[in-house]
């Protein structure tokens, strides 16, 4: 891990999204969409690491 890099748990991303999704004005912001994308990608990576495939 490099300096200035934070460790974020996937569960924490989803928990933050769950709370923030209840606030309508946040859902259409770029940072919310990036957070949602990060949670999706982290979940997909965890599934790949565990040998589980994800279909959309």
PDB file of N, CA and C in Angstrom:
ATOM      1  N   UNK A   1       0.844  -1.171   0.000  1.00  0.00           N
ATOM      2  CA  UNK A   1       0.000   0.000   0.000  1.00  0.00           C
ATOM      3  C   UNK A   1       0.893   1.238   0.000  1.00  0.00           C
ATOM      4  N   UNK A   2       0.542   2.208  -0.837  1.00  0.00           N
ATOM      5  CA  UNK A   2       1.336   3.420  -0.920  1.00  0.00           C
ATOM      6  C   UNK A   2       0.808   4.477   0.035  1.00  0.00           C
ATOM      7  N   UNK A   3       1.657   5.448   0.312  1.00  0.00           N
ATOM      8  CA  UNK A   3       1.260   6.535   1.194  1.00  0.00           C
ATOM      9  C   UNK A   3       0.071   7.284   0.601  1.00  0.00           C
ATOM     10  N   UNK A   4      -0.897   7.605   1.415  1.00  0.00           N
ATOM     11  CA  UNK A   4      -2.082   8.306   0.949  1.00  0.00           C
ATOM     12  C   UNK A   4      -3.176   7.394   0.431  1.00  0.00           C
ATOM     13  N   UNK A   5      -2.953   6.083   0.496  1.00  0.00           N
ATOM     14  CA  UNK A   5      -3.947   5.117   0.050  1.00  0.00           C
ATOM     15  C   UNK A   5      -4.721   4.610   1.262  1.00  0.00           C
ATOM     16  N   UNK A   6      -6.031   4.573   1.137  1.00  0.00           N
ATOM     17  CA  UNK A   6      -6.873   4.102   2.236  1.00  0.00           C
ATOM     18  C   UNK A   6      -7.403   2.708   1.922  1.00  0.00           C
ATOM     19  N   UNK A   7      -7.557   1.915   2.946  1.00  0.00           N
ATOM     20  CA  UNK A   7      -8.197   0.612   2.801  1.00  0.00           C
ATOM     21  C   UNK A   7      -9.676   0.804   3.109  1.00  0.00           C
ATOM     22  N   UNK A   8     -10.511   0.396   2.166  1.00  0.00           N
ATOM     23  CA  UNK A   8     -11.959   0.518   2.331  1.00  0.00           C
ATOM     24  C   UNK A   8     -12.570  -0.865   2.141  1.00  0.00           C
ATOM     25  N   UNK A   9     -13.404  -1.265   3.054  1.00  0.00           N
ATOM     26  CA  UNK A   9     -14.067  -2.559   2.956  1.00  0.00           C
ATOM     27  C   UNK A   9     -15.312  -2.440   2.085  1.00  0.00           C
ATOM     28  N   UNK A  10     -15.543  -3.450   1.265  1.00  0.00           N
ATOM     29  CA  UNK A  10     -16.695  -3.453   0.364  1.00  0.00           C
ATOM     30  C   UNK A  10     -17.996  -3.269   1.138  1.00  0.00           C
ATOM     31  N   UNK A  11     -18.093  -3.907   2.284  1.00  0.00           N
ATOM     32  CA  UNK A  11     -19.305  -3.781   3.098  1.00  0.00           C
ATOM     33  C   UNK A  11     -19.547  -2.333   3.500  1.00  0.00           C
ATOM     34  N   UNK A  12     -18.468  -1.605   3.767  1.00  0.00           N
ATOM     35  CA  UNK A  12     -18.602  -0.197   4.139  1.00  0.00           C
ATOM     36  C   UNK A  12     -19.106   0.642   2.969  1.00  0.00           C
ATOM     37  N   UNK A  13     -18.656   0.309   1.753  1.00  0.00           N
ATOM     38  CA  UNK A  13     -19.145   1.024   0.571  1.00  0.00           C
ATOM     39  C   UNK A  13     -20.646   0.840   0.417  1.00  0.00           C
ATOM     40  N   UNK A  14     -21.102  -0.404   0.534  1.00  0.00           N
ATOM     41  CA  UNK A  14     -22.533  -0.683   0.376  1.00  0.00           C
ATOM     42  C   UNK A  14     -23.349  -0.053   1.494  1.00  0.00           C
ATOM     43  N   UNK A  15     -22.812  -0.047   2.704  1.00  0.00           N
ATOM     44  CA  UNK A  15     -23.529   0.573   3.821  1.00  0.00           C
ATOM     45  C   UNK A  15     -23.667   2.076   3.601  1.00  0.00           C
ATOM     46  N   UNK A  16     -22.604   2.708   3.137  1.00  0.00           N
ATOM     47  CA  UNK A  16     -22.665   4.145   2.841  1.00  0.00           C
ATOM     48  C   UNK A  16     -23.673   4.423   1.736  1.00  0.00           C
ATOM     49  N   UNK A  17     -23.665   3.605   0.694  1.00  0.00           N
ATOM     50  CA  UNK A  17     -24.623   3.785  -0.402  1.00  0.00           C
ATOM     51  C   UNK A  17     -26.059   3.614   0.077  1.00  0.00           C
ATOM     52  N   UNK A  18     -26.289   2.664   0.954  1.00  0.00           N
ATOM     53  CA  UNK A  18     -27.640   2.437   1.466  1.00  0.00           C
ATOM     54  C   UNK A  18     -28.151   3.669   2.209  1.00  0.00           C
ATOM     55  N   UNK A  19     -27.299   4.248   3.026  1.00  0.00           N
ATOM     56  CA  UNK A  19     -27.690   5.445   3.770  1.00  0.00           C
ATOM     57  C   UNK A  19     -27.885   6.626   2.823  1.00  0.00           C
ATOM     58  N   UNK A  20     -26.934   6.834   1.920  1.00  0.00           N
ATOM     59  CA  UNK A  20     -26.996   7.978   1.012  1.00  0.00           C
ATOM     60  C   UNK A  20     -28.119   7.873  -0.005  1.00  0.00           C
ATOM     61  N   UNK A  21     -28.515   6.663  -0.352  1.00  0.00           N
ATOM     62  CA  UNK A  21     -29.574   6.498  -1.350  1.00  0.00           C
ATOM     63  C   UNK A  21     -30.916   7.010  -0.843  1.00  0.00           C
ATOM     64  N   UNK A  22     -31.045   7.162   0.457  1.00  0.00           N
ATOM     65  CA  UNK A  22     -32.275   7.707   1.032  1.00  0.00           C
ATOM     66  C   UNK A  22     -32.369   9.219   0.884  1.00  0.00           C
ATOM     67  N   UNK A  23     -31.300   9.847   0.430  1.00  0.00           N
ATOM     68  CA  UNK A  23     -31.283  11.297   0.231  1.00  0.00           C
ATOM     69  C   UNK A  23     -31.285  11.547  -1.271  1.00  0.00           C
ATOM     70  N   UNK A  24     -32.449  11.909  -1.797  1.00  0.00           N
ATOM     71  CA  UNK A  24     -32.679  12.010  -3.241  1.00  0.00           C
ATOM     72  C   UNK A  24     -31.629  12.861  -3.957  1.00  0.00           C
ATOM     73  N   UNK A  25     -31.271  14.003  -3.396  1.00  0.00           N
ATOM     74  CA  UNK A  25     -30.349  14.901  -4.101  1.00  0.00           C
ATOM     75  C   UNK A  25     -28.939  14.335  -4.246  1.00  0.00           C
ATOM     76  N   UNK A  26     -28.589  13.317  -3.486  1.00  0.00           N
ATOM     77  CA  UNK A  26     -27.267  12.704  -3.613  1.00  0.00           C
ATOM     78  C   UNK A  26     -27.195  11.705  -4.760  1.00  0.00           C
ATOM     79  N   UNK A  27     -28.314  11.063  -5.075  1.00  0.00           N
ATOM     80  CA  UNK A  27     -28.304   9.955  -6.035  1.00  0.00           C
ATOM     81  C   UNK A  27     -27.860  10.344  -7.440  1.00  0.00           C
ATOM     82  N   UNK A  28     -28.028  11.578  -7.823  1.00  0.00           N
ATOM     83  CA  UNK A  28     -27.673  11.998  -9.181  1.00  0.00           C
ATOM     84  C   UNK A  28     -26.332  12.713  -9.260  1.00  0.00           C
ATOM     85  N   UNK A  29     -25.567  12.707  -8.189  1.00  0.00           N
ATOM     86  CA  UNK A  29     -24.269  13.374  -8.209  1.00  0.00           C
ATOM     87  C   UNK A  29     -23.200  12.442  -8.774  1.00  0.00           C
ATOM     88  N   UNK A  30     -22.171  13.045  -9.347  1.00  0.00           N
ATOM     89  CA  UNK A  30     -21.077  12.252  -9.917  1.00  0.00           C
ATOM     90  C   UNK A  30     -20.371  11.422  -8.848  1.00  0.00           C
ATOM     91  N   UNK A  31     -20.141  12.002  -7.671  1.00  0.00           N
ATOM     92  CA  UNK A  31     -19.415  11.262  -6.638  1.00  0.00           C
ATOM     93  C   UNK A  31     -20.233  10.074  -6.139  1.00  0.00           C
ATOM     94  N   UNK A  32     -21.558  10.197  -6.095  1.00  0.00           N
ATOM     95  CA  UNK A  32     -22.399   9.067  -5.687  1.00  0.00           C
ATOM     96  C   UNK A  32     -22.304   7.953  -6.723  1.00  0.00           C
ATOM     97  N   UNK A  33     -22.347   8.324  -7.988  1.00  0.00           N
ATOM     98  CA  UNK A  33     -22.247   7.335  -9.065  1.00  0.00           C
ATOM     99  C   UNK A  33     -20.887   6.646  -9.045  1.00  0.00           C
ATOM    100  N   UNK A  34     -19.819   7.399  -8.730  1.00  0.00           N
ATOM    101  CA  UNK A  34     -18.484   6.795  -8.630  1.00  0.00           C
ATOM    102  C   UNK A  34     -18.409   5.841  -7.437  1.00  0.00           C
ATOM    103  N   UNK A  35     -19.029   6.220  -6.331  1.00  0.00           N
ATOM    104  CA  UNK A  35     -19.059   5.357  -5.149  1.00  0.00           C
ATOM    105  C   UNK A  35     -19.817   4.068  -5.449  1.00  0.00           C
ATOM    106  N   UNK A  36     -20.934   4.195  -6.161  1.00  0.00           N
ATOM    107  CA  UNK A  36     -21.717   3.023  -6.541  1.00  0.00           C
ATOM    108  C   UNK A  36     -20.925   2.116  -7.484  1.00  0.00           C
ATOM    109  N   UNK A  37     -20.226   2.723  -8.426  1.00  0.00           N
ATOM    110  CA  UNK A  37     -19.395   1.956  -9.353  1.00  0.00           C
ATOM    111  C   UNK A  37     -18.265   1.247  -8.609  1.00  0.00           C
ATOM    112  N   UNK A  38     -17.654   1.933  -7.658  1.00  0.00           N
ATOM    113  CA  UNK A  38     -16.574   1.328  -6.871  1.00  0.00           C
ATOM    114  C   UNK A  38     -17.091   0.134  -6.075  1.00  0.00           C
ATOM    115  N   UNK A  39     -18.276   0.256  -5.510  1.00  0.00           N
ATOM    116  CA  UNK A  39     -18.863  -0.851  -4.754  1.00  0.00           C
ATOM    117  C   UNK A  39     -19.151  -2.035  -5.671  1.00  0.00           C
ATOM    118  N   UNK A  40     -19.686  -1.754  -6.850  1.00  0.00           N
ATOM    119  CA  UNK A  40     -19.954  -2.829  -7.816  1.00  0.00           C
ATOM    120  C   UNK A  40     -18.672  -3.541  -8.229  1.00  0.00           C
ATOM    121  N   UNK A  41     -17.655  -2.761  -8.565  1.00  0.00           N
ATOM    122  CA  UNK A  41     -16.385  -3.352  -9.001  1.00  0.00           C
ATOM    123  C   UNK A  41     -15.714  -4.137  -7.880  1.00  0.00           C
ATOM    124  N   UNK A  42     -15.771  -3.617  -6.667  1.00  0.00           N
ATOM    125  CA  UNK A  42     -15.178  -4.320  -5.529  1.00  0.00           C
ATOM    126  C   UNK A  42     -15.893  -5.644  -5.276  1.00  0.00           C
ATOM    127  N   UNK A  43     -17.212  -5.634  -5.416  1.00  0.00           N
ATOM    128  CA  UNK A  43     -17.994  -6.859  -5.234  1.00  0.00           C
ATOM    129  C   UNK A  43     -17.648  -7.882  -6.307  1.00  0.00           C
ATOM    130  N   UNK A  44     -17.528  -7.422  -7.544  1.00  0.00           N
ATOM    131  CA  UNK A  44     -17.153  -8.318  -8.641  1.00  0.00           C
ATOM    132  C   UNK A  44     -15.771  -8.910  -8.409  1.00  0.00           C
ATOM    133  N   UNK A  45     -14.829  -8.087  -7.950  1.00  0.00           N
ATOM    134  CA  UNK A  45     -13.475  -8.572  -7.707  1.00  0.00           C
ATOM    135  C   UNK A  45     -13.462  -9.599  -6.584  1.00  0.00           C
ATOM    136  N   UNK A  46     -14.226  -9.339  -5.525  1.00  0.00           N
ATOM    137  CA  UNK A  46     -14.310 -10.306  -4.427  1.00  0.00           C
ATOM    138  C   UNK A  46     -14.864 -11.633  -4.924  1.00  0.00           C
ATOM    139  N   UNK A  47     -15.873 -11.570  -5.786  1.00  0.00           N
ATOM    140  CA  UNK A  47     -16.458 -12.795  -6.332  1.00  0.00           C
ATOM    141  C   UNK A  47     -15.437 -13.548  -7.174  1.00  0.00           C
ATOM    142  N   UNK A  48     -14.700 -12.825  -8.003  1.00  0.00           N
ATOM    143  CA  UNK A  48     -13.662 -13.463  -8.822  1.00  0.00           C
ATOM    144  C   UNK A  48     -12.584 -14.092  -7.951  1.00  0.00           C
ATOM    145  N   UNK A  49     -12.185 -13.373  -6.909  1.00  0.00           N
ATOM    146  CA  UNK A  49     -11.164 -13.891  -5.995  1.00  0.00           C
ATOM    147  C   UNK A  49     -11.622 -15.175  -5.309  1.00  0.00           C
ATOM    148  N   UNK A  50     -12.941 -15.308  -5.131  1.00  0.00           N
ATOM    149  CA  UNK A  50     -13.500 -16.486  -4.463  1.00  0.00           C
ATOM    150  C   UNK A  50     -14.012 -17.531  -5.444  1.00  0.00           C
ATOM    151  N   UNK A  51     -13.756 -17.309  -6.737  1.00  0.00           N
ATOM    152  CA  UNK A  51     -14.148 -18.281  -7.745  1.00  0.00           C
ATOM    153  C   UNK A  51     -15.632 -18.310  -8.052  1.00  0.00           C
ATOM    154  N   UNK A  52     -16.310 -17.200  -7.800  1.00  0.00           N
ATOM    155  CA  UNK A  52     -17.747 -17.113  -8.051  1.00  0.00           C
ATOM    156  C   UNK A  52     -17.971 -16.159  -9.214  1.00  0.00           C
ATOM    157  N   UNK A  53     -18.764 -16.577 -10.188  1.00  0.00           N
ATOM    158  CA  UNK A  53     -19.077 -15.713 -11.318  1.00  0.00           C
ATOM    159  C   UNK A  53     -20.305 -14.867 -11.038  1.00  0.00           C
ATOM    160  N   UNK A  54     -20.326 -13.669 -11.592  1.00  0.00           N
ATOM    161  CA  UNK A  54     -21.473 -12.773 -11.443  1.00  0.00           C
ATOM    162  C   UNK A  54     -22.027 -12.479 -12.820  1.00  0.00           C
ATOM    163  N   UNK A  55     -23.325 -12.671 -12.970  1.00  0.00           N
ATOM    164  CA  UNK A  55     -23.997 -12.339 -14.232  1.00  0.00           C
ATOM    165  C   UNK A  55     -24.948 -11.193 -13.991  1.00  0.00           C
ATOM    166  N   UNK A  56     -25.020 -10.306 -14.982  1.00  0.00           N
ATOM    167  CA  UNK A  56     -25.962  -9.173 -14.895  1.00  0.00           C
ATOM    168  C   UNK A  56     -27.086  -9.398 -15.847  1.00  0.00           C
TER     169      UNK A  56
END
